[in-house]
Protein backbone atom coordinates (compact mmCIF):
# COMPACT_ATOMS: atom_id res chain seq x y z
CA MET A 1 111.84 95.32 130.96
CA ALA A 2 113.69 96.37 134.08
CA ALA A 3 112.54 99.50 135.89
CA ASN A 4 114.94 102.21 136.98
CA ILE A 5 115.00 104.05 140.33
CA SER A 6 111.96 106.19 139.44
CA GLY A 7 109.91 103.04 138.81
CA ARG A 8 109.48 103.83 135.12
CA ALA A 9 110.72 101.57 132.35
CA PRO A 10 113.73 102.85 130.40
CA PRO A 11 112.85 104.58 127.12
CA ALA A 12 112.50 102.41 124.04
CA ALA A 13 114.74 102.82 121.02
CA PRO A 14 113.90 106.00 119.09
CA VAL A 15 111.67 105.71 116.05
CA HIS A 16 113.14 107.09 112.83
CA CYS A 17 110.35 108.49 110.64
CA ARG A 18 112.54 108.58 107.55
CA GLN A 19 112.56 104.78 107.64
CA CYS A 20 108.75 104.50 108.07
CA VAL A 21 106.21 103.82 105.31
CA HIS A 22 103.76 106.32 106.86
CA LEU A 23 106.01 109.39 106.45
CA ALA A 24 104.98 111.72 103.65
CA THR A 25 105.96 115.17 102.46
CA SER A 26 103.27 117.80 102.89
CA TRP A 27 102.56 120.51 100.32
CA ASP A 28 102.43 123.08 103.15
CA PRO A 29 105.89 124.71 103.58
CA ARG A 30 105.06 125.62 107.21
CA LEU A 31 104.25 121.97 108.04
CA PRO A 32 106.49 119.92 105.74
CA HIS A 33 106.17 116.51 107.44
CA SER A 34 103.04 114.40 107.32
CA CYS A 35 102.16 111.13 109.06
CA ARG A 36 99.61 108.98 107.24
CA PHE A 37 99.16 106.70 110.26
CA TYR A 38 98.16 109.43 112.73
CA GLY A 39 96.80 111.79 110.07
CA PHE A 40 98.58 115.04 110.93
CA LYS A 41 101.17 117.45 109.55
CA SER A 42 103.93 119.06 111.60
CA ARG A 43 107.05 121.15 111.43
CA ALA A 44 109.12 118.52 113.29
CA LEU A 45 109.27 114.85 112.39
CA PRO A 46 106.04 113.11 113.46
CA SER A 47 107.86 110.73 115.82
CA VAL A 48 109.17 113.74 117.75
CA GLU A 49 105.67 115.21 118.03
CA VAL A 50 104.15 111.89 119.13
CA LEU A 51 106.82 111.43 121.80
CA ARG A 52 106.32 115.02 123.01
CA LEU A 53 102.52 114.76 123.19
CA ASP A 54 102.02 111.14 124.34
CA GLY A 55 105.25 110.62 126.23
CA GLU A 56 105.66 107.28 124.44
CA PRO A 57 107.35 106.33 121.17
CA CYS A 58 105.26 106.10 118.01
CA GLN A 59 103.14 102.93 117.90
CA GLY A 60 102.53 103.06 114.14
CA PHE A 61 106.08 102.57 112.86
CA ILE A 62 106.40 100.15 109.94
CA GLY A 63 109.82 99.96 108.32
CA LYS A 64 110.20 100.51 104.59
CA PRO A 65 111.05 97.45 102.52
CA PRO A 66 114.73 97.11 101.59
CA GLY A 67 115.74 99.02 98.52
CA VAL A 68 113.09 101.76 98.61
CA SER A 69 115.56 104.57 99.30
CA GLU A 70 117.89 103.38 96.52
CA ILE A 71 115.09 103.54 93.94
CA ARG A 72 114.42 107.22 94.58
CA ARG A 73 118.03 108.32 94.09
């Protein structure tokens, strides 16, 4: 990957938790989003929290198989 003027690599494509198999809904209304990979609950989507805390995109993203979202409708 090419570095920019600051010497850092450009940011990777954002991770979309809603397309990840590790996203779950928490029973806690104050912390509605849960990540099974990292094992935490949060108010924001887990990928946002991971990026904020680690400064890097989520490393645990695994896309859902095709058709999963259509089954739940």
